[in-house]
Amino acid sequence: MRLLFVGTHYGGGGTESHLVTLSKAMLAAGHEVAAVVRPGTPIHNGLAGSGVQLFSGVFRNAFDPRGIIAVWRAINAFEPDWIVGSFSKEYWPLAVIARLRGVKLALFKHMDYPLRFLTHHFIPRLAHRFIVISEHMRRNFIARGVDATRIDLLYNPIDMEYFHPDSVLRKTSREQFGFTEDDIVLGFIGAMHPDKGMLPLCDAVNLAMKEAPKLKAIWVGDGLAVQDLKEKVKKGGFATRHTWHTWSPNVLPYYAAIDMLAVPTIGNEAFGRVSIEAQACGIPVLCSDNGGLPETFKPDVTGLLIPTGDVPAWRDAILSLAGDKQLRIQMQRNGRDWVVQKFSTTEIAKQFVKLLDEAQ
């Protein structure tokens, strides 16, 4: 199978990581893979040197002729069986190009918000596969009127060779961040926006610190809520037990350093990639009962599911894991096994091929 991925977005978030990881997974599975990407972006850098054939292009918007010409030329050179897109501003040009060139089209939807009227009505019909990344999203799109037969589910893939437990990195990272081996470290890794729930999480952590003297916290990320979070820490009475780091594309040292990861989202969470990354690294997770998050782990087996925004419940869950080393160790083992079975690149690539082969 010959697959042409198109992703000219300049960001470096979950959608971009998905495109890079799935492209490489399909290449590793023996398919021919090319991509139209914007030079110098995280997608370009993530695919450079991977064996994926790269074409330069950019869509400022759906009508940008530069992107349309780049995709057209890539089809001439690569002759794909499928075009694969992930960004909404590229949906319409890819749909038109795919129809004109007689190439099948698969489109991913990563964000759980309503589409504009014409896009909502036509794009799932024009694409041969319209794919969301959680069952939660699938139910929501069906509720919004998308025909259930025109919407498919494929979870985010995780590179298990990249995300893995590393005892050497754990030792060096904890030393670098100032943690002893006796410390029990809770981590938050992600965008520092209020809907990500770090403010009520901070309240819960401070309450738990009153009862768990070895508990510490590391906050990794940037965003609008950073200053509010720092104020909460300052007023919480345990400021010296909180550590701050700005966002880095290399999150492995942070996963290696922590004993549990919190994903406390209070806004709309379509999936929650950090949850499966942490479990792949052997880290138990604490997740809100919110959106697609419950699909990312096995409650009471690889982590704990906690009511959204419930500070006392979060405090109790943190104390439960902090006070039971054997439970943490068991969840560490279970978590990686769970991710291998459910989200590994090998498994997701098989499921993607099945979806494409069954397309009419």
Protein backbone atom coordinates (compact mmCIF):
# COMPACT_ATOMS: atom_id res chain seq x y z
CA MET A 1 0.00 0.00 0.00
CA ARG A 2 1.22 3.51 -0.88
CA LEU A 3 0.25 6.19 1.64
CA LEU A 4 0.67 9.96 1.26
CA PHE A 5 0.30 11.74 4.61
CA VAL A 6 -0.38 15.47 4.52
CA GLY A 7 0.39 17.61 7.56
CA THR A 8 1.72 21.12 7.07
CA HIS A 9 0.80 22.46 10.50
CA TYR A 10 3.62 24.17 12.41
CA GLY A 11 2.71 22.95 15.93
CA GLY A 12 4.15 20.17 18.03
CA GLY A 13 1.16 18.72 19.91
CA GLY A 14 -0.73 15.45 19.95
CA THR A 15 -2.04 15.67 16.37
CA GLU A 16 1.45 16.24 15.03
CA SER A 17 2.87 13.39 17.16
CA HIS A 18 0.12 11.11 15.86
CA LEU A 19 0.96 11.85 12.22
CA VAL A 20 4.68 11.24 12.76
CA THR A 21 4.18 8.04 14.75
CA LEU A 22 1.56 6.55 12.41
CA SER A 23 3.65 7.38 9.31
CA LYS A 24 6.65 5.59 10.78
CA ALA A 25 4.49 2.67 11.93
CA MET A 26 3.10 2.14 8.45
CA LEU A 27 6.61 2.31 6.99
CA ALA A 28 7.82 -0.26 9.54
CA ALA A 29 4.88 -2.49 8.60
CA GLY A 30 6.21 -2.69 5.04
CA HIS A 31 4.15 -0.02 3.27
CA GLU A 32 5.49 2.78 1.07
CA VAL A 33 5.02 6.10 2.83
CA ALA A 34 5.46 9.72 1.80
CA ALA A 35 4.39 12.98 3.40
CA VAL A 36 3.73 16.59 2.41
CA VAL A 37 5.08 18.66 5.31
CA ARG A 38 6.13 22.19 6.16
CA PRO A 39 9.95 22.45 6.38
CA GLY A 40 11.40 23.09 9.82
CA THR A 41 8.28 22.06 11.74
CA PRO A 42 8.09 19.31 14.40
CA ILE A 43 6.39 17.04 11.84
CA HIS A 44 9.20 17.60 9.33
CA ASN A 45 11.87 17.11 11.97
CA GLY A 46 10.15 14.00 13.31
CA LEU A 47 10.06 12.36 9.87
CA ALA A 48 13.46 13.51 8.58
CA GLY A 49 15.79 10.57 8.13
CA SER A 50 13.04 8.03 8.90
CA GLY A 51 12.74 6.66 5.38
CA VAL A 52 9.47 8.46 4.74
CA GLN A 53 9.74 10.35 1.43
CA LEU A 54 9.20 14.05 2.14
CA PHE A 55 7.65 16.75 -0.05
CA SER A 56 7.57 20.42 0.98
CA GLY A 57 4.27 22.25 1.21
CA VAL A 58 2.15 24.55 3.35
CA PHE A 59 -1.54 25.33 3.80
CA ARG A 60 -2.14 28.72 5.42
CA ASN A 61 -5.83 27.97 4.90
CA ALA A 62 -8.05 25.73 2.79
CA PHE A 63 -7.58 27.93 -0.30
CA ASP A 64 -3.80 28.25 -0.19
CA PRO A 65 -2.57 27.40 -3.72
CA ARG A 66 0.89 26.51 -2.38
CA GLY A 67 -0.51 23.55 -0.48
CA ILE A 68 -2.76 22.45 -3.32
CA ILE A 69 0.13 22.53 -5.81
CA ALA A 70 2.43 20.67 -3.38
CA VAL A 71 -0.07 17.84 -2.86
CA TRP A 72 -0.81 17.63 -6.59
CA ARG A 73 2.90 17.33 -7.40
CA ALA A 74 3.42 14.76 -4.64
CA ILE A 75 0.65 12.63 -6.16
CA ASN A 76 2.32 12.90 -9.57
CA ALA A 77 5.66 11.77 -8.13
CA PHE A 78 4.51 9.19 -5.57
CA GLU A 79 1.24 7.82 -7.04
CA PRO A 80 -0.39 6.96 -3.70
CA ASP A 81 -3.29 4.61 -3.09
CA TRP A 82 -4.40 6.75 -0.14
CA ILE A 83 -4.09 10.34 1.01
CA VAL A 84 -4.13 10.66 4.83
CA GLY A 85 -4.93 14.02 6.45
CA SER A 86 -5.24 15.18 10.06
CA PHE A 87 -5.83 18.96 10.09
CA SER A 88 -9.24 20.54 9.50
CA LYS A 89 -7.93 23.41 7.33
CA GLU A 90 -6.64 20.74 4.91
CA TYR A 91 -9.85 18.66 4.76
CA TRP A 92 -11.52 20.43 1.84
CA PRO A 93 -8.52 20.75 -0.50
CA LEU A 94 -7.59 17.11 0.16
CA ALA A 95 -11.19 16.00 -0.49
CA VAL A 96 -11.30 17.86 -3.81
CA ILE A 97 -7.83 16.71 -4.89
CA ALA A 98 -8.60 13.08 -3.95
CA ARG A 99 -11.78 13.15 -6.06
CA LEU A 100 -10.08 14.76 -9.05
CA ARG A 101 -7.12 12.37 -8.93
CA GLY A 102 -9.04 9.19 -8.12
CA VAL A 103 -7.14 8.58 -4.86
CA LYS A 104 -8.84 7.29 -1.72
CA LEU A 105 -8.91 9.63 1.27
CA ALA A 106 -8.64 8.97 5.02
CA LEU A 107 -9.16 11.91 7.38
CA PHE A 108 -8.46 11.93 11.12
CA LYS A 109 -10.34 14.13 13.57
CA HIS A 110 -8.39 14.72 16.80
CA MET A 111 -10.35 17.48 18.51
CA ASP A 112 -13.82 16.90 19.94
CA TYR A 113 -15.68 19.99 18.82
CA PRO A 114 -18.46 20.44 16.24
CA LEU A 115 -17.46 20.95 12.63
CA ARG A 116 -18.78 23.84 10.57
CA PHE A 117 -22.08 23.07 8.86
CA LEU A 118 -20.81 22.23 5.36
CA THR A 119 -17.77 20.36 6.68
CA HIS A 120 -19.97 18.41 9.11
CA HIS A 121 -22.38 17.46 6.34
CA PHE A 122 -20.03 16.67 3.48
CA ILE A 123 -16.52 15.73 4.69
CA PRO A 124 -17.47 12.39 6.36
CA ARG A 125 -19.23 11.53 3.07
CA LEU A 126 -16.40 12.65 0.80
CA ALA A 127 -13.71 10.80 2.78
CA HIS A 128 -13.48 7.04 2.31
CA ARG A 129 -12.53 6.85 5.99
CA PHE A 130 -13.36 9.53 8.60
CA ILE A 131 -11.55 8.48 11.78
CA VAL A 132 -11.73 9.71 15.38
CA ILE A 133 -9.34 8.80 18.19
CA SER A 134 -11.69 7.68 20.98
CA GLU A 135 -15.05 6.00 21.42
CA HIS A 136 -16.09 9.08 23.38
CA MET A 137 -15.52 11.21 20.28
CA ARG A 138 -17.32 8.72 18.06
CA ARG A 139 -20.42 8.82 20.27
CA ASN A 140 -20.36 12.62 20.28
CA PHE A 141 -20.10 12.92 16.50
CA ILE A 142 -22.92 10.44 16.02
CA ALA A 143 -25.01 12.47 18.48
CA ARG A 144 -24.26 15.56 16.37
CA GLY A 145 -25.71 13.85 13.34
CA VAL A 146 -22.78 12.14 11.60
CA ASP A 147 -23.88 8.81 10.13
CA ALA A 148 -22.50 6.03 12.36
CA THR A 149 -21.48 4.04 9.29
CA ARG A 150 -19.24 6.90 8.16
CA ILE A 151 -17.16 7.34 11.29
CA ASP A 152 -14.43 4.97 12.49
CA LEU A 153 -12.24 4.65 15.57
CA LEU A 154 -8.48 4.26 15.68
CA TYR A 155 -6.56 4.99 18.86
CA ASN A 156 -3.31 6.93 19.00
CA PRO A 157 -0.23 4.74 18.41
CA ILE A 158 2.73 4.78 20.79
CA ASP A 159 6.32 3.93 19.86
CA MET A 160 7.15 1.37 22.55
CA GLU A 161 10.88 1.49 21.77
CA TYR A 162 10.97 5.23 22.46
CA PHE A 163 8.65 5.24 25.48
CA HIS A 164 9.96 2.62 27.89
CA PRO A 165 11.11 2.26 31.51
CA ASP A 166 14.71 3.34 31.96
CA SER A 167 16.32 2.83 35.37
CA VAL A 168 19.50 4.69 34.40
CA LEU A 169 17.55 7.71 33.16
CA ARG A 170 15.43 7.58 36.32
CA LYS A 171 18.50 7.89 38.52
CA THR A 172 20.06 10.75 36.56
CA SER A 173 16.76 12.61 36.12
CA ARG A 174 15.86 12.46 39.80
CA GLU A 175 19.30 13.71 40.71
CA GLN A 176 19.00 16.51 38.14
CA PHE A 177 15.59 17.60 39.45
CA GLY A 178 16.62 17.34 43.10
CA PHE A 179 14.59 14.27 44.11
CA THR A 180 15.88 11.53 46.40
CA GLU A 181 15.00 7.88 45.88
CA ASP A 182 12.71 8.06 48.92
CA ASP A 183 10.67 10.94 47.49
CA ILE A 184 7.32 10.08 45.93
CA VAL A 185 6.94 12.35 42.93
CA LEU A 186 3.68 13.25 41.23
CA GLY A 187 3.98 14.79 37.78
CA PHE A 188 1.82 16.98 35.58
CA ILE A 189 3.01 17.19 31.97
CA GLY A 190 1.09 19.23 29.42
CA ALA A 191 -0.42 22.56 28.47
CA MET A 192 -0.92 24.90 31.43
CA HIS A 193 -4.46 25.95 30.56
CA PRO A 194 -7.26 26.12 33.13
CA ASP A 195 -9.34 23.42 31.42
CA LYS A 196 -6.47 20.97 31.90
CA GLY A 197 -7.34 20.96 35.61
CA MET A 198 -3.97 21.75 37.15
CA LEU A 199 -5.47 24.31 39.56
CA PRO A 200 -7.78 21.90 41.44
CA LEU A 201 -5.01 19.29 41.15
CA CYS A 202 -2.67 21.70 42.96
CA ASP A 203 -5.22 22.06 45.77
CA ALA A 204 -5.42 18.26 46.06
CA VAL A 205 -1.62 17.90 46.03
CA ASN A 206 -1.20 20.47 48.80
CA LEU A 207 -3.82 18.68 50.91
CA ALA A 208 -2.06 15.36 50.32
CA MET A 209 1.31 16.87 51.23
CA LYS A 210 -0.03 17.56 54.73
CA GLU A 211 -0.30 13.80 55.26
CA ALA A 212 2.52 12.52 53.06
CA PRO A 213 5.85 14.18 53.98
CA LYS A 214 7.73 12.45 51.14
CA LEU A 215 5.29 13.62 48.45
CA LYS A 216 6.66 16.09 45.91
CA ALA A 217 5.32 17.51 42.63
CA ILE A 218 6.83 18.46 39.30
CA TRP A 219 4.94 20.70 36.87
CA VAL A 220 6.03 20.60 33.22
CA GLY A 221 4.51 22.89 30.62
CA ASP A 222 3.61 26.41 29.57
CA GLY A 223 0.35 28.28 29.21
CA LEU A 224 -2.13 30.83 30.49
CA ALA A 225 -2.52 29.30 33.96
CA VAL A 226 1.14 29.19 34.97
CA GLN A 227 0.98 32.32 37.11
CA ASP A 228 -2.26 31.25 38.82
CA LEU A 229 -0.70 27.88 39.54
CA LYS A 230 2.41 29.45 41.03
CA GLU A 231 0.22 31.61 43.27
CA LYS A 232 -1.61 28.52 44.51
CA VAL A 233 1.68 26.80 45.26
CA LYS A 234 2.99 29.84 47.11
CA LYS A 235 -0.12 30.01 49.30
CA GLY A 236 -0.38 26.24 49.83
CA GLY A 237 2.35 26.02 52.46
CA PHE A 238 4.61 23.53 50.65
CA ALA A 239 6.24 25.64 47.94
CA THR A 240 9.67 24.02 48.36
CA ARG A 241 8.19 20.63 47.46
CA HIS A 242 7.04 21.82 44.00
CA THR A 243 9.36 21.94 40.98
CA TRP A 244 8.77 23.86 37.72
CA HIS A 245 9.92 23.21 34.18
CA THR A 246 8.91 24.74 30.86
CA TRP A 247 7.74 22.51 28.05
CA SER A 248 10.33 20.39 26.24
CA PRO A 249 9.87 18.12 23.22
CA ASN A 250 11.92 15.53 25.11
CA VAL A 251 9.59 14.40 27.90
CA LEU A 252 11.42 11.16 28.70
CA PRO A 253 13.46 12.59 31.63
CA TYR A 254 10.24 13.78 33.28
CA TYR A 255 8.47 10.44 32.88
CA ALA A 256 11.57 8.71 34.23
CA ALA A 257 11.69 10.98 37.28
CA ILE A 258 8.10 10.59 38.50
CA ASP A 259 6.22 7.89 40.40
CA MET A 260 2.75 8.78 39.14
CA LEU A 261 1.30 11.02 36.44
CA ALA A 262 -1.81 13.13 36.95
CA VAL A 263 -4.14 13.92 34.03
CA PRO A 264 -6.78 16.03 35.82
CA THR A 265 -8.60 17.58 32.83
CA ILE A 266 -11.82 19.42 33.66
CA GLY A 267 -12.53 20.63 30.10
CA ASN A 268 -13.27 18.50 27.05
CA GLU A 269 -10.61 15.81 26.66
CA ALA A 270 -10.82 13.89 23.39
CA PHE A 271 -8.25 11.25 24.39
CA GLY A 272 -5.17 11.97 26.53
CA ARG A 273 -1.93 10.92 24.88
CA VAL A 274 0.24 11.65 27.93
CA SER A 275 -1.62 8.93 29.82
CA ILE A 276 -0.50 6.18 27.45
CA GLU A 277 3.00 7.63 27.13
CA ALA A 278 3.39 7.47 30.91
CA GLN A 279 2.12 3.89 31.13
CA ALA A 280 4.49 2.85 28.33
CA CYS A 281 7.27 4.24 30.56
CA GLY A 282 5.99 2.17 33.51
CA ILE A 283 4.23 5.03 35.32
CA PRO A 284 0.80 4.64 37.02
CA VAL A 285 -1.73 7.30 36.06
CA LEU A 286 -4.37 9.30 37.88
CA CYS A 287 -7.02 10.37 35.38
CA SER A 288 -10.22 12.39 35.45
CA ASP A 289 -13.41 10.58 34.56
CA ASN A 290 -13.63 12.88 31.60
CA GLY A 291 -14.09 12.49 27.85
CA GLY A 292 -11.81 9.88 26.31
CA LEU A 293 -9.45 9.62 29.30
CA PRO A 294 -11.06 6.44 30.74
CA GLU A 295 -10.21 4.71 27.45
CA THR A 296 -6.48 5.38 27.89
CA PHE A 297 -5.92 3.09 30.87
CA LYS A 298 -7.38 0.25 32.94
CA PRO A 299 -8.93 1.66 36.13
CA ASP A 300 -7.61 0.02 39.32
CA VAL A 301 -5.16 -2.00 37.21
CA THR A 302 -2.86 0.56 35.58
CA GLY A 303 -4.08 3.66 37.43
CA LEU A 304 -6.98 5.31 39.20
CA LEU A 305 -10.10 6.95 37.73
CA ILE A 306 -11.17 9.99 39.74
CA PRO A 307 -14.25 12.26 39.55
CA THR A 308 -13.52 15.35 37.50
CA GLY A 309 -12.53 18.37 39.60
CA ASP A 310 -13.29 16.63 42.92
CA VAL A 311 -10.43 17.91 45.11
CA PRO A 312 -11.03 15.58 48.12
CA ALA A 313 -11.26 12.56 45.81
CA TRP A 314 -8.03 13.56 44.08
CA ARG A 315 -6.32 14.04 47.45
CA ASP A 316 -7.40 10.55 48.53
CA ALA A 317 -6.26 8.97 45.27
CA ILE A 318 -2.85 10.64 45.50
CA LEU A 319 -2.46 9.43 49.09
CA SER A 320 -3.57 5.93 48.07
CA LEU A 321 -0.78 5.59 45.53
CA ALA A 322 1.78 7.52 47.56
CA GLY A 323 1.25 5.25 50.55
CA ASP A 324 1.36 1.90 48.74
CA LYS A 325 4.64 1.14 46.99
CA GLN A 326 3.58 -2.38 46.05
CA LEU A 327 0.47 -1.04 44.35
CA ARG A 328 2.59 1.40 42.36
CA ILE A 329 4.97 -1.37 41.32
CA GLN A 330 2.09 -3.61 40.20
CA MET A 331 0.48 -0.80 38.23
CA GLN A 332 3.83 -0.02 36.60
CA ARG A 333 4.04 -3.58 35.26
CA ASN A 334 0.41 -3.72 34.24
CA GLY A 335 0.57 -0.35 32.49
CA ARG A 336 3.23 -1.22 29.97
CA ASP A 337 1.59 -4.56 29.15
CA TRP A 338 -1.73 -2.76 28.63
CA VAL A 339 -0.23 -0.21 26.24
CA VAL A 340 1.55 -2.92 24.23
CA GLN A 341 -1.74 -4.72 23.68
CA LYS A 342 -3.86 -1.65 23.02
CA PHE A 343 -1.77 1.20 21.59
CA SER A 344 1.56 -0.09 20.25
CA THR A 345 2.51 1.03 16.75
CA THR A 346 2.41 -2.60 15.58
CA GLU A 347 -1.17 -3.09 16.77
CA ILE A 348 -2.46 0.28 15.52
CA ALA A 349 -0.81 -0.21 12.11
CA LYS A 350 -2.64 -3.55 11.74
CA GLN A 351 -5.95 -1.93 12.63
CA PHE A 352 -5.32 0.97 10.24
CA VAL A 353 -4.59 -1.41 7.35
CA LYS A 354 -7.80 -3.29 8.16
CA LEU A 355 -9.82 -0.05 8.06
CA LEU A 356 -8.31 0.94 4.73
CA ASP A 357 -8.69 -2.51 3.16
CA GLU A 358 -12.37 -2.59 4.09
CA ALA A 359 -13.11 0.83 2.58
CA GLN A 360 -15.47 0.86 -0.36
